[in-house]
């Protein structure tokens, strides 16, 4: 996959989710929603797409009387992100600086 863009990750919000998760073990739903500045329904759809591709896992845990949703990248997700970023870098290598 290192030479091809990944259509699942390529959408800007999903790319940002993956990049945010690449540096940590987990991020909660509210933090992602605020960082992306999207509605809960939009974020849920992006998370579902990544989860169905096997790139993301979702877990829920109680906190202060509420249930919090946590997300994390899977090994396959990390590999796909690395390949996607490599493909972007390869594309950018031929672009002259402005």
C-alpha atoms as a PDB file:
ATOM      1  CA  UNK A   1       0.000   0.000   0.000  1.00  0.00           C
ATOM      2  CA  UNK A   2       3.017   2.297   0.242  1.00  0.00           C
ATOM      3  CA  UNK A   3       2.611   3.655  -3.296  1.00  0.00           C
ATOM      4  CA  UNK A   4      -1.128   4.303  -3.202  1.00  0.00           C
ATOM      5  CA  UNK A   5      -3.388   6.722  -1.427  1.00  0.00           C
ATOM      6  CA  UNK A   6      -5.834   5.006   0.911  1.00  0.00           C
ATOM      7  CA  UNK A   7      -9.382   6.087   0.023  1.00  0.00           C
ATOM      8  CA  UNK A   8     -10.622   5.346   3.539  1.00  0.00           C
ATOM      9  CA  UNK A   9      -8.029   7.576   5.198  1.00  0.00           C
ATOM     10  CA  UNK A  10      -7.878  10.243   2.475  1.00  0.00           C
ATOM     11  CA  UNK A  11     -10.996  12.200   3.541  1.00  0.00           C
ATOM     12  CA  UNK A  12      -9.670  15.246   5.451  1.00  0.00           C
ATOM     13  CA  UNK A  13     -11.481  14.534   8.732  1.00  0.00           C
ATOM     14  CA  UNK A  14     -10.499  10.859   8.716  1.00  0.00           C
ATOM     15  CA  UNK A  15      -6.894  11.765   7.916  1.00  0.00           C
ATOM     16  CA  UNK A  16      -6.882  14.196  10.834  1.00  0.00           C
ATOM     17  CA  UNK A  17      -8.390  11.561  13.162  1.00  0.00           C
ATOM     18  CA  UNK A  18      -5.703   9.054  12.175  1.00  0.00           C
ATOM     19  CA  UNK A  19      -2.914  11.601  12.543  1.00  0.00           C
ATOM     20  CA  UNK A  20      -4.157  12.632  15.989  1.00  0.00           C
ATOM     21  CA  UNK A  21      -4.333   9.009  17.097  1.00  0.00           C
ATOM     22  CA  UNK A  22      -0.903   8.148  15.684  1.00  0.00           C
ATOM     23  CA  UNK A  23       0.834   9.932  18.544  1.00  0.00           C
ATOM     24  CA  UNK A  24      -1.244   8.567  21.437  1.00  0.00           C
ATOM     25  CA  UNK A  25      -2.821   5.331  22.570  1.00  0.00           C
ATOM     26  CA  UNK A  26      -6.409   6.653  22.818  1.00  0.00           C
ATOM     27  CA  UNK A  27      -8.461   9.813  22.389  1.00  0.00           C
ATOM     28  CA  UNK A  28     -11.974  10.365  23.627  1.00  0.00           C
ATOM     29  CA  UNK A  29     -14.868  11.224  21.306  1.00  0.00           C
ATOM     30  CA  UNK A  30     -15.372  14.735  22.722  1.00  0.00           C
ATOM     31  CA  UNK A  31     -11.733  15.681  22.139  1.00  0.00           C
ATOM     32  CA  UNK A  32     -11.915  14.527  18.517  1.00  0.00           C
ATOM     33  CA  UNK A  33     -15.212  16.363  17.981  1.00  0.00           C
ATOM     34  CA  UNK A  34     -13.777  19.613  19.339  1.00  0.00           C
ATOM     35  CA  UNK A  35     -10.501  19.312  17.405  1.00  0.00           C
ATOM     36  CA  UNK A  36     -12.295  18.639  14.115  1.00  0.00           C
ATOM     37  CA  UNK A  37     -15.074  21.142  14.875  1.00  0.00           C
ATOM     38  CA  UNK A  38     -17.758  18.787  13.564  1.00  0.00           C
ATOM     39  CA  UNK A  39     -21.095  17.553  14.854  1.00  0.00           C
ATOM     40  CA  UNK A  40     -21.424  14.296  16.761  1.00  0.00           C
ATOM     41  CA  UNK A  41     -23.185  12.664  13.810  1.00  0.00           C
ATOM     42  CA  UNK A  42     -20.435  13.636  11.344  1.00  0.00           C
ATOM     43  CA  UNK A  43     -17.717  12.354  13.678  1.00  0.00           C
ATOM     44  CA  UNK A  44     -19.662   9.138  14.316  1.00  0.00           C
ATOM     45  CA  UNK A  45     -19.832   8.451  10.579  1.00  0.00           C
ATOM     46  CA  UNK A  46     -16.087   8.973  10.147  1.00  0.00           C
ATOM     47  CA  UNK A  47     -15.302   6.766  13.134  1.00  0.00           C
ATOM     48  CA  UNK A  48     -17.639   4.056  11.833  1.00  0.00           C
ATOM     49  CA  UNK A  49     -15.926   4.128   8.408  1.00  0.00           C
ATOM     50  CA  UNK A  50     -12.484   3.767   9.996  1.00  0.00           C
ATOM     51  CA  UNK A  51     -13.725   1.053  12.342  1.00  0.00           C
ATOM     52  CA  UNK A  52     -15.316  -0.943   9.503  1.00  0.00           C
ATOM     53  CA  UNK A  53     -12.006  -0.785   7.611  1.00  0.00           C
ATOM     54  CA  UNK A  54     -10.265  -2.253  10.655  1.00  0.00           C
ATOM     55  CA  UNK A  55      -8.226   0.907  11.215  1.00  0.00           C
ATOM     56  CA  UNK A  56      -9.817   2.009  14.471  1.00  0.00           C
ATOM     57  CA  UNK A  57     -11.210   0.425  17.606  1.00  0.00           C
ATOM     58  CA  UNK A  58     -13.886   1.966  19.781  1.00  0.00           C
ATOM     59  CA  UNK A  59     -14.385   1.278  23.469  1.00  0.00           C
ATOM     60  CA  UNK A  60     -16.721   2.739  26.051  1.00  0.00           C
ATOM     61  CA  UNK A  61     -16.137   3.279  29.760  1.00  0.00           C
ATOM     62  CA  UNK A  62     -18.111   4.930  32.562  1.00  0.00           C
ATOM     63  CA  UNK A  63     -16.868   8.277  33.799  1.00  0.00           C
ATOM     64  CA  UNK A  64     -18.627  10.664  36.192  1.00  0.00           C
ATOM     65  CA  UNK A  65     -21.993   8.950  35.709  1.00  0.00           C
ATOM     66  CA  UNK A  66     -21.699   9.029  31.920  1.00  0.00           C
ATOM     67  CA  UNK A  67     -20.284   6.686  29.354  1.00  0.00           C
ATOM     68  CA  UNK A  68     -17.270   8.007  27.466  1.00  0.00           C
ATOM     69  CA  UNK A  69     -16.283   6.744  24.043  1.00  0.00           C
ATOM     70  CA  UNK A  70     -12.593   6.159  23.362  1.00  0.00           C
ATOM     71  CA  UNK A  71     -10.915   5.541  20.012  1.00  0.00           C
ATOM     72  CA  UNK A  72      -7.534   4.090  19.125  1.00  0.00           C
ATOM     73  CA  UNK A  73      -5.686   3.113  15.964  1.00  0.00           C
ATOM     74  CA  UNK A  74      -5.178  -0.574  15.290  1.00  0.00           C
ATOM     75  CA  UNK A  75      -1.948  -1.988  13.927  1.00  0.00           C
ATOM     76  CA  UNK A  76      -3.592  -2.111  10.499  1.00  0.00           C
ATOM     77  CA  UNK A  77      -4.620   1.528  10.917  1.00  0.00           C
ATOM     78  CA  UNK A  78      -1.091   2.602  11.759  1.00  0.00           C
ATOM     79  CA  UNK A  79       0.253   0.691   8.765  1.00  0.00           C
ATOM     80  CA  UNK A  80      -2.381   2.194   6.448  1.00  0.00           C
ATOM     81  CA  UNK A  81      -1.668   5.716   7.714  1.00  0.00           C
ATOM     82  CA  UNK A  82       2.071   5.227   7.222  1.00  0.00           C
ATOM     83  CA  UNK A  83       1.486   4.039   3.648  1.00  0.00           C
ATOM     84  CA  UNK A  84      -0.923   6.880   2.913  1.00  0.00           C
ATOM     85  CA  UNK A  85       1.513   9.499   4.226  1.00  0.00           C
ATOM     86  CA  UNK A  86       4.346   7.924   2.213  1.00  0.00           C
ATOM     87  CA  UNK A  87       2.206   8.170  -0.929  1.00  0.00           C
ATOM     88  CA  UNK A  88       1.455  11.838  -0.196  1.00  0.00           C
ATOM     89  CA  UNK A  89       5.159  12.561   0.349  1.00  0.00           C
ATOM     90  CA  UNK A  90       6.022  10.822  -2.926  1.00  0.00           C
ATOM     91  CA  UNK A  91       3.452  12.938  -4.760  1.00  0.00           C
ATOM     92  CA  UNK A  92       4.787  16.120  -3.159  1.00  0.00           C
ATOM     93  CA  UNK A  93       8.402  15.292  -4.063  1.00  0.00           C
ATOM     94  CA  UNK A  94       7.800  16.345  -7.665  1.00  0.00           C
ATOM     95  CA  UNK A  95       6.067  19.631  -6.832  1.00  0.00           C
ATOM     96  CA  UNK A  96       8.305  22.686  -7.187  1.00  0.00           C
ATOM     97  CA  UNK A  97       8.319  25.146  -4.299  1.00  0.00           C
ATOM     98  CA  UNK A  98       6.334  28.308  -4.883  1.00  0.00           C
END
